[in-house]
Amino acid sequence: MKPGRRLVESGASTCSDAEILAILLGSGGPGYSAVDSARSLLDKYGTLAGLMGRSLDEIASIRGIKTVRAVRLAAAFEFCQRVLKEIDRDL
């Protein structure tokens, strides 16, 4: 099942880290899927937290990522950090 369909049918909490990353990446390329690229990122950096804060060039070096997709991931991580700051400030 494709990650986006899993999210729609079963909820975001049922998706693996690789599936969530794949949704953010959008698509793969010839011979590999967005999930393949997401798994490559997780294989290299270990966790989502390990991936955060990496340079755009470093992320873009993974097969199928390139600059536009690296920018999407960086924006998503920044979004998460800002939400966490707001939550922390409101406590």
PDB file of N, CA and C in Angstrom:
ATOM      1  N   MET A   1       0.853  -1.176   0.000  1.00  0.00           N
ATOM      2  CA  MET A   1       0.000   0.000   0.000  1.00  0.00           C
ATOM      3  C   MET A   1       0.902   1.243   0.000  1.00  0.00           C
ATOM      4  N   LYS A   2       0.555   2.221  -0.814  1.00  0.00           N
ATOM      5  CA  LYS A   2       1.320   3.457  -0.873  1.00  0.00           C
ATOM      6  C   LYS A   2       1.152   4.229   0.433  1.00  0.00           C
ATOM      7  N   PRO A   3       2.195   4.955   0.838  1.00  0.00           N
ATOM      8  CA  PRO A   3       2.153   5.647   2.129  1.00  0.00           C
ATOM      9  C   PRO A   3       0.989   6.633   2.269  1.00  0.00           C
ATOM     10  N   GLY A   4       0.711   7.391   1.229  1.00  0.00           N
ATOM     11  CA  GLY A   4      -0.400   8.342   1.314  1.00  0.00           C
ATOM     12  C   GLY A   4      -1.738   7.655   1.526  1.00  0.00           C
ATOM     13  N   ARG A   5      -1.930   6.536   0.853  1.00  0.00           N
ATOM     14  CA  ARG A   5      -3.171   5.777   1.016  1.00  0.00           C
ATOM     15  C   ARG A   5      -3.267   5.206   2.429  1.00  0.00           C
ATOM     16  N   ARG A   6      -2.131   4.717   2.955  1.00  0.00           N
ATOM     17  CA  ARG A   6      -2.126   4.186   4.332  1.00  0.00           C
ATOM     18  C   ARG A   6      -2.542   5.286   5.306  1.00  0.00           C
ATOM     19  N   LEU A   7      -2.002   6.490   5.116  1.00  0.00           N
ATOM     20  CA  LEU A   7      -2.338   7.587   6.003  1.00  0.00           C
ATOM     21  C   LEU A   7      -3.832   7.896   5.934  1.00  0.00           C
ATOM     22  N   VAL A   8      -4.379   7.961   4.725  1.00  0.00           N
ATOM     23  CA  VAL A   8      -5.801   8.268   4.545  1.00  0.00           C
ATOM     24  C   VAL A   8      -6.674   7.180   5.163  1.00  0.00           C
ATOM     25  N   GLU A   9      -6.337   5.934   4.903  1.00  0.00           N
ATOM     26  CA  GLU A   9      -7.201   4.827   5.329  1.00  0.00           C
ATOM     27  C   GLU A   9      -7.022   4.434   6.786  1.00  0.00           C
ATOM     28  N   SER A  10      -5.791   4.563   7.308  1.00  0.00           N
ATOM     29  CA  SER A  10      -5.521   4.042   8.645  1.00  0.00           C
ATOM     30  C   SER A  10      -5.062   5.091   9.644  1.00  0.00           C
ATOM     31  N   GLY A  11      -4.739   6.288   9.164  1.00  0.00           N
ATOM     32  CA  GLY A  11      -4.281   7.347  10.063  1.00  0.00           C
ATOM     33  C   GLY A  11      -2.769   7.487  10.049  1.00  0.00           C
ATOM     34  N   ALA A  12      -2.315   8.696  10.314  1.00  0.00           N
ATOM     35  CA  ALA A  12      -0.880   9.002  10.268  1.00  0.00           C
ATOM     36  C   ALA A  12      -0.081   8.179  11.271  1.00  0.00           C
ATOM     37  N   SER A  13      -0.665   7.866  12.403  1.00  0.00           N
ATOM     38  CA  SER A  13       0.081   7.141  13.445  1.00  0.00           C
ATOM     39  C   SER A  13       0.430   5.709  13.027  1.00  0.00           C
ATOM     40  N   THR A  14      -0.236   5.198  11.995  1.00  0.00           N
ATOM     41  CA  THR A  14       0.069   3.835  11.535  1.00  0.00           C
ATOM     42  C   THR A  14       1.226   3.805  10.542  1.00  0.00           C
ATOM     43  N   CYS A  15       1.643   4.971  10.072  1.00  0.00           N
ATOM     44  CA  CYS A  15       2.721   5.039   9.079  1.00  0.00           C
ATOM     45  C   CYS A  15       4.084   4.952   9.761  1.00  0.00           C
ATOM     46  N   SER A  16       4.997   4.283   9.112  1.00  0.00           N
ATOM     47  CA  SER A  16       6.369   4.213   9.602  1.00  0.00           C
ATOM     48  C   SER A  16       7.066   5.547   9.340  1.00  0.00           C
ATOM     49  N   ASP A  17       8.229   5.729   9.957  1.00  0.00           N
ATOM     50  CA  ASP A  17       9.010   6.940   9.704  1.00  0.00           C
ATOM     51  C   ASP A  17       9.342   7.056   8.214  1.00  0.00           C
ATOM     52  N   ALA A  18       9.691   5.940   7.585  1.00  0.00           N
ATOM     53  CA  ALA A  18      10.019   5.964   6.157  1.00  0.00           C
ATOM     54  C   ALA A  18       8.805   6.372   5.327  1.00  0.00           C
ATOM     55  N   GLU A  19       7.622   5.916   5.706  1.00  0.00           N
ATOM     56  CA  GLU A  19       6.418   6.280   4.961  1.00  0.00           C
ATOM     57  C   GLU A  19       6.093   7.764   5.118  1.00  0.00           C
ATOM     58  N   ILE A  20       6.260   8.307   6.318  1.00  0.00           N
ATOM     59  CA  ILE A  20       6.027   9.738   6.528  1.00  0.00           C
ATOM     60  C   ILE A  20       7.007  10.553   5.703  1.00  0.00           C
ATOM     61  N   LEU A  21       8.285  10.170   5.721  1.00  0.00           N
ATOM     62  CA  LEU A  21       9.279  10.858   4.893  1.00  0.00           C
ATOM     63  C   LEU A  21       8.928  10.752   3.416  1.00  0.00           C
ATOM     64  N   ALA A  22       8.497   9.580   2.989  1.00  0.00           N
ATOM     65  CA  ALA A  22       8.136   9.374   1.579  1.00  0.00           C
ATOM     66  C   ALA A  22       6.984  10.286   1.167  1.00  0.00           C
ATOM     67  N   ILE A  23       6.024  10.487   2.043  1.00  0.00           N
ATOM     68  CA  ILE A  23       4.911  11.393   1.746  1.00  0.00           C
ATOM     69  C   ILE A  23       5.449  12.805   1.541  1.00  0.00           C
ATOM     70  N   LEU A  24       6.381  13.222   2.381  1.00  0.00           N
ATOM     71  CA  LEU A  24       6.974  14.552   2.233  1.00  0.00           C
ATOM     72  C   LEU A  24       7.794  14.665   0.949  1.00  0.00           C
ATOM     73  N   LEU A  25       8.475  13.594   0.584  1.00  0.00           N
ATOM     74  CA  LEU A  25       9.285  13.605  -0.641  1.00  0.00           C
ATOM     75  C   LEU A  25       8.420  13.654  -1.887  1.00  0.00           C
ATOM     76  N   GLY A  26       7.271  13.007  -1.834  1.00  0.00           N
ATOM     77  CA  GLY A  26       6.313  13.056  -2.937  1.00  0.00           C
ATOM     78  C   GLY A  26       6.417  11.915  -3.923  1.00  0.00           C
ATOM     79  N   SER A  27       7.588  11.681  -4.468  1.00  0.00           N
ATOM     80  CA  SER A  27       7.720  10.613  -5.463  1.00  0.00           C
ATOM     81  C   SER A  27       9.163  10.149  -5.515  1.00  0.00           C
ATOM     82  N   GLY A  28       9.361   9.056  -6.190  1.00  0.00           N
ATOM     83  CA  GLY A  28      10.700   8.514  -6.396  1.00  0.00           C
ATOM     84  C   GLY A  28      11.195   8.896  -7.774  1.00  0.00           C
ATOM     85  N   GLY A  29      11.797   7.950  -8.430  1.00  0.00           N
ATOM     86  CA  GLY A  29      12.312   8.169  -9.767  1.00  0.00           C
ATOM     87  C   GLY A  29      12.358   6.845 -10.495  1.00  0.00           C
ATOM     88  N   PRO A  30      12.993   6.819 -11.648  1.00  0.00           N
ATOM     89  CA  PRO A  30      13.086   5.565 -12.410  1.00  0.00           C
ATOM     90  C   PRO A  30      13.778   4.461 -11.602  1.00  0.00           C
ATOM     91  N   GLY A  31      13.054   3.436 -11.290  1.00  0.00           N
ATOM     92  CA  GLY A  31      13.641   2.289 -10.604  1.00  0.00           C
ATOM     93  C   GLY A  31      13.677   2.364  -9.093  1.00  0.00           C
ATOM     94  N   TYR A  32      13.159   3.426  -8.492  1.00  0.00           N
ATOM     95  CA  TYR A  32      13.112   3.501  -7.038  1.00  0.00           C
ATOM     96  C   TYR A  32      11.923   4.369  -6.625  1.00  0.00           C
ATOM     97  N   SER A  33      11.425   4.109  -5.445  1.00  0.00           N
ATOM     98  CA  SER A  33      10.251   4.823  -4.950  1.00  0.00           C
ATOM     99  C   SER A  33      10.664   5.878  -3.927  1.00  0.00           C
ATOM    100  N   ALA A  34       9.719   6.710  -3.565  1.00  0.00           N
ATOM    101  CA  ALA A  34       9.959   7.681  -2.495  1.00  0.00           C
ATOM    102  C   ALA A  34      10.271   6.947  -1.195  1.00  0.00           C
ATOM    103  N   VAL A  35       9.651   5.794  -0.978  1.00  0.00           N
ATOM    104  CA  VAL A  35       9.935   5.000   0.228  1.00  0.00           C
ATOM    105  C   VAL A  35      11.382   4.511   0.192  1.00  0.00           C
ATOM    106  N   ASP A  36      11.881   4.118  -0.975  1.00  0.00           N
ATOM    107  CA  ASP A  36      13.281   3.707  -1.088  1.00  0.00           C
ATOM    108  C   ASP A  36      14.212   4.846  -0.689  1.00  0.00           C
ATOM    109  N   SER A  37      13.933   6.060  -1.187  1.00  0.00           N
ATOM    110  CA  SER A  37      14.751   7.224  -0.835  1.00  0.00           C
ATOM    111  C   SER A  37      14.658   7.512   0.663  1.00  0.00           C
ATOM    112  N   ALA A  38      13.462   7.426   1.205  1.00  0.00           N
ATOM    113  CA  ALA A  38      13.270   7.662   2.636  1.00  0.00           C
ATOM    114  C   ALA A  38      14.044   6.638   3.466  1.00  0.00           C
ATOM    115  N   ARG A  39      13.999   5.396   3.058  1.00  0.00           N
ATOM    116  CA  ARG A  39      14.751   4.361   3.788  1.00  0.00           C
ATOM    117  C   ARG A  39      16.251   4.618   3.700  1.00  0.00           C
ATOM    118  N   SER A  40      16.716   5.100   2.549  1.00  0.00           N
ATOM    119  CA  SER A  40      18.139   5.434   2.404  1.00  0.00           C
ATOM    120  C   SER A  40      18.532   6.539   3.381  1.00  0.00           C
ATOM    121  N   LEU A  41      17.668   7.536   3.537  1.00  0.00           N
ATOM    122  CA  LEU A  41      17.933   8.604   4.500  1.00  0.00           C
ATOM    123  C   LEU A  41      18.023   8.050   5.916  1.00  0.00           C
ATOM    124  N   LEU A  42      17.075   7.198   6.265  1.00  0.00           N
ATOM    125  CA  LEU A  42      17.067   6.631   7.617  1.00  0.00           C
ATOM    126  C   LEU A  42      18.229   5.668   7.833  1.00  0.00           C
ATOM    127  N   ASP A  43      18.617   4.946   6.801  1.00  0.00           N
ATOM    128  CA  ASP A  43      19.786   4.065   6.910  1.00  0.00           C
ATOM    129  C   ASP A  43      21.045   4.879   7.182  1.00  0.00           C
ATOM    130  N   LYS A  44      21.157   6.024   6.523  1.00  0.00           N
ATOM    131  CA  LYS A  44      22.355   6.855   6.661  1.00  0.00           C
ATOM    132  C   LYS A  44      22.387   7.607   7.989  1.00  0.00           C
ATOM    133  N   TYR A  45      21.244   8.154   8.410  1.00  0.00           N
ATOM    134  CA  TYR A  45      21.208   9.016   9.588  1.00  0.00           C
ATOM    135  C   TYR A  45      20.579   8.374  10.820  1.00  0.00           C
ATOM    136  N   GLY A  46      20.038   7.190  10.668  1.00  0.00           N
ATOM    137  CA  GLY A  46      19.543   6.420  11.816  1.00  0.00           C
ATOM    138  C   GLY A  46      18.116   6.707  12.223  1.00  0.00           C
ATOM    139  N   THR A  47      17.801   7.964  12.457  1.00  0.00           N
ATOM    140  CA  THR A  47      16.472   8.345  12.951  1.00  0.00           C
ATOM    141  C   THR A  47      16.049   9.666  12.319  1.00  0.00           C
ATOM    142  N   LEU A  48      14.796  10.025  12.532  1.00  0.00           N
ATOM    143  CA  LEU A  48      14.334  11.331  12.077  1.00  0.00           C
ATOM    144  C   LEU A  48      15.119  12.442  12.769  1.00  0.00           C
ATOM    145  N   ALA A  49      15.374  12.270  14.072  1.00  0.00           N
ATOM    146  CA  ALA A  49      16.160  13.260  14.812  1.00  0.00           C
ATOM    147  C   ALA A  49      17.580  13.348  14.259  1.00  0.00           C
ATOM    148  N   GLY A  50      18.136  12.220  13.848  1.00  0.00           N
ATOM    149  CA  GLY A  50      19.472  12.217  13.264  1.00  0.00           C
ATOM    150  C   GLY A  50      19.516  12.912  11.919  1.00  0.00           C
ATOM    151  N   LEU A  51      18.397  12.948  11.244  1.00  0.00           N
ATOM    152  CA  LEU A  51      18.297  13.603   9.944  1.00  0.00           C
ATOM    153  C   LEU A  51      18.131  15.115  10.087  1.00  0.00           C
ATOM    154  N   MET A  52      17.470  15.548  11.154  1.00  0.00           N
ATOM    155  CA  MET A  52      17.231  16.980  11.368  1.00  0.00           C
ATOM    156  C   MET A  52      18.552  17.724  11.496  1.00  0.00           C
ATOM    157  N   GLY A  53      18.588  18.899  10.945  1.00  0.00           N
ATOM    158  CA  GLY A  53      19.763  19.739  11.077  1.00  0.00           C
ATOM    159  C   GLY A  53      20.875  19.438  10.089  1.00  0.00           C
ATOM    160  N   ARG A  54      20.702  18.439   9.256  1.00  0.00           N
ATOM    161  CA  ARG A  54      21.705  18.148   8.219  1.00  0.00           C
ATOM    162  C   ARG A  54      21.628  19.224   7.142  1.00  0.00           C
ATOM    163  N   SER A  55      22.727  19.453   6.487  1.00  0.00           N
ATOM    164  CA  SER A  55      22.742  20.480   5.436  1.00  0.00           C
ATOM    165  C   SER A  55      21.922  20.012   4.238  1.00  0.00           C
ATOM    166  N   LEU A  56      21.450  20.978   3.461  1.00  0.00           N
ATOM    167  CA  LEU A  56      20.699  20.655   2.253  1.00  0.00           C
ATOM    168  C   LEU A  56      21.540  19.813   1.304  1.00  0.00           C
ATOM    169  N   ASP A  57      22.811  20.158   1.159  1.00  0.00           N
ATOM    170  CA  ASP A  57      23.695  19.395   0.266  1.00  0.00           C
ATOM    171  C   ASP A  57      23.850  17.952   0.730  1.00  0.00           C
ATOM    172  N   GLU A  58      23.950  17.767   2.028  1.00  0.00           N
ATOM    173  CA  GLU A  58      24.101  16.419   2.579  1.00  0.00           C
ATOM    174  C   GLU A  58      22.857  15.577   2.312  1.00  0.00           C
ATOM    175  N   ILE A  59      21.699  16.157   2.557  1.00  0.00           N
ATOM    176  CA  ILE A  59      20.443  15.444   2.314  1.00  0.00           C
ATOM    177  C   ILE A  59      20.264  15.190   0.821  1.00  0.00           C
ATOM    178  N   ALA A  60      20.602  16.186   0.014  1.00  0.00           N
ATOM    179  CA  ALA A  60      20.420  16.079  -1.438  1.00  0.00           C
ATOM    180  C   ALA A  60      21.357  15.062  -2.082  1.00  0.00           C
ATOM    181  N   SER A  61      22.351  14.599  -1.342  1.00  0.00           N
ATOM    182  CA  SER A  61      23.279  13.609  -1.896  1.00  0.00           C
ATOM    183  C   SER A  61      22.676  12.204  -1.950  1.00  0.00           C
ATOM    184  N   ILE A  62      21.542  12.010  -1.289  1.00  0.00           N
ATOM    185  CA  ILE A  62      20.869  10.709  -1.287  1.00  0.00           C
ATOM    186  C   ILE A  62      20.118  10.544  -2.600  1.00  0.00           C
ATOM    187  N   ARG A  63      20.208   9.357  -3.164  1.00  0.00           N
ATOM    188  CA  ARG A  63      19.527   9.069  -4.432  1.00  0.00           C
ATOM    189  C   ARG A  63      18.052   9.442  -4.356  1.00  0.00           C
ATOM    190  N   GLY A  64      17.615  10.245  -5.320  1.00  0.00           N
ATOM    191  CA  GLY A  64      16.209  10.607  -5.416  1.00  0.00           C
ATOM    192  C   GLY A  64      15.805  11.832  -4.621  1.00  0.00           C
ATOM    193  N   ILE A  65      16.727  12.444  -3.890  1.00  0.00           N
ATOM    194  CA  ILE A  65      16.335  13.575  -3.061  1.00  0.00           C
ATOM    195  C   ILE A  65      16.502  14.899  -3.806  1.00  0.00           C
ATOM    196  N   LYS A  66      17.667  15.268  -4.186  1.00  0.00           N
ATOM    197  CA  LYS A  66      17.979  16.535  -4.859  1.00  0.00           C
ATOM    198  C   LYS A  66      17.550  17.727  -4.011  1.00  0.00           C
ATOM    199  N   THR A  67      17.827  18.907  -4.494  1.00  0.00           N
ATOM    200  CA  THR A  67      17.659  20.122  -3.688  1.00  0.00           C
ATOM    201  C   THR A  67      16.206  20.411  -3.318  1.00  0.00           C
ATOM    202  N   VAL A  68      15.283  20.301  -4.263  1.00  0.00           N
ATOM    203  CA  VAL A  68      13.885  20.642  -3.972  1.00  0.00           C
ATOM    204  C   VAL A  68      13.325  19.762  -2.862  1.00  0.00           C
ATOM    205  N   ARG A  69      13.599  18.493  -2.899  1.00  0.00           N
ATOM    206  CA  ARG A  69      13.094  17.587  -1.868  1.00  0.00           C
ATOM    207  C   ARG A  69      13.816  17.804  -0.538  1.00  0.00           C
ATOM    208  N   ALA A  70      15.093  18.116  -0.595  1.00  0.00           N
ATOM    209  CA  ALA A  70      15.843  18.435   0.632  1.00  0.00           C
ATOM    210  C   ALA A  70      15.248  19.685   1.286  1.00  0.00           C
ATOM    211  N   VAL A  71      14.868  20.661   0.478  1.00  0.00           N
ATOM    212  CA  VAL A  71      14.237  21.881   0.999  1.00  0.00           C
ATOM    213  C   VAL A  71      12.902  21.543   1.661  1.00  0.00           C
ATOM    214  N   ARG A  72      12.114  20.671   1.050  1.00  0.00           N
ATOM    215  CA  ARG A  72      10.836  20.247   1.657  1.00  0.00           C
ATOM    216  C   ARG A  72      11.068  19.633   3.034  1.00  0.00           C
ATOM    217  N   LEU A  73      12.060  18.761   3.132  1.00  0.00           N
ATOM    218  CA  LEU A  73      12.348  18.124   4.416  1.00  0.00           C
ATOM    219  C   LEU A  73      12.823  19.149   5.440  1.00  0.00           C
ATOM    220  N   ALA A  74      13.702  20.049   5.017  1.00  0.00           N
ATOM    221  CA  ALA A  74      14.193  21.081   5.941  1.00  0.00           C
ATOM    222  C   ALA A  74      13.029  21.945   6.442  1.00  0.00           C
ATOM    223  N   ALA A  75      12.101  22.282   5.553  1.00  0.00           N
ATOM    224  CA  ALA A  75      10.932  23.074   5.949  1.00  0.00           C
ATOM    225  C   ALA A  75      10.050  22.294   6.922  1.00  0.00           C
ATOM    226  N   ALA A  76       9.868  21.021   6.669  1.00  0.00           N
ATOM    227  CA  ALA A  76       9.049  20.195   7.569  1.00  0.00           C
ATOM    228  C   ALA A  76       9.680  20.098   8.954  1.00  0.00           C
ATOM    229  N   PHE A  77      10.998  19.952   9.002  1.00  0.00           N
ATOM    230  CA  PHE A  77      11.680  19.883  10.297  1.00  0.00           C
ATOM    231  C   PHE A  77      11.591  21.220  11.029  1.00  0.00           C
ATOM    232  N   GLU A  78      11.739  22.316  10.306  1.00  0.00           N
ATOM    233  CA  GLU A  78      11.614  23.637  10.920  1.00  0.00           C
ATOM    234  C   GLU A  78      10.195  23.849  11.441  1.00  0.00           C
ATOM    235  N   PHE A  79       9.215  23.396  10.677  1.00  0.00           N
ATOM    236  CA  PHE A  79       7.821  23.466  11.104  1.00  0.00           C
ATOM    237  C   PHE A  79       7.644  22.755  12.444  1.00  0.00           C
ATOM    238  N   CYS A  80       8.186  21.553  12.541  1.00  0.00           N
ATOM    239  CA  CYS A  80       8.088  20.768  13.786  1.00  0.00           C
ATOM    240  C   CYS A  80       8.752  21.493  14.950  1.00  0.00           C
ATOM    241  N   GLN A  81       9.924  22.051  14.709  1.00  0.00           N
ATOM    242  CA  GLN A  81      10.629  22.759  15.772  1.00  0.00           C
ATOM    243  C   GLN A  81       9.826  23.960  16.260  1.00  0.00           C
ATOM    244  N   ARG A  82       9.212  24.683  15.336  1.00  0.00           N
ATOM    245  CA  ARG A  82       8.422  25.849  15.721  1.00  0.00           C
ATOM    246  C   ARG A  82       7.178  25.449  16.505  1.00  0.00           C
ATOM    247  N   VAL A  83       6.532  24.372  16.096  1.00  0.00           N
ATOM    248  CA  VAL A  83       5.359  23.885  16.846  1.00  0.00           C
ATOM    249  C   VAL A  83       5.780  23.488  18.257  1.00  0.00           C
ATOM    250  N   LEU A  84       6.889  22.778  18.386  1.00  0.00           N
ATOM    251  CA  LEU A  84       7.356  22.368  19.714  1.00  0.00           C
ATOM    252  C   LEU A  84       7.693  23.569  20.593  1.00  0.00           C
ATOM    253  N   LYS A  85       8.280  24.617  20.003  1.00  0.00           N
ATOM    254  CA  LYS A  85       8.567  25.840  20.765  1.00  0.00           C
ATOM    255  C   LYS A  85       7.276  26.486  21.262  1.00  0.00           C
ATOM    256  N   GLU A  86       6.257  26.515  20.401  1.00  0.00           N
ATOM    257  CA  GLU A  86       4.968  27.086  20.805  1.00  0.00           C
ATOM    258  C   GLU A  86       4.348  26.290  21.943  1.00  0.00           C
ATOM    259  N   ILE A  87       4.417  24.974  21.821  1.00  0.00           N
ATOM    260  CA  ILE A  87       3.853  24.120  22.875  1.00  0.00           C
ATOM    261  C   ILE A  87       4.587  24.349  24.180  1.00  0.00           C
ATOM    262  N   ASP A  88       5.917  24.401  24.108  1.00  0.00           N
ATOM    263  CA  ASP A  88       6.749  24.611  25.299  1.00  0.00           C
ATOM    264  C   ASP A  88       6.441  25.974  25.928  1.00  0.00           C
ATOM    265  N   ARG A  89       6.252  26.994  25.095  1.00  0.00           N
ATOM    266  CA  ARG A  89       5.968  28.339  25.578  1.00  0.00           C
ATOM    267  C   ARG A  89       4.600  28.396  26.256  1.00  0.00           C
ATOM    268  N   ASP A  90       3.651  27.603  25.779  1.00  0.00           N
ATOM    269  CA  ASP A  90       2.294  27.612  26.320  1.00  0.00           C
ATOM    270  C   ASP A  90       2.144  26.795  27.597  1.00  0.00           C
ATOM    271  N   LEU A  91       3.134  25.998  27.931  1.00  0.00           N
ATOM    272  CA  LEU A  91       3.020  25.165  29.145  1.00  0.00           C
ATOM    273  C   LEU A  91       3.278  25.927  30.401  1.00  0.00           C
TER     274      LEU A  91
END
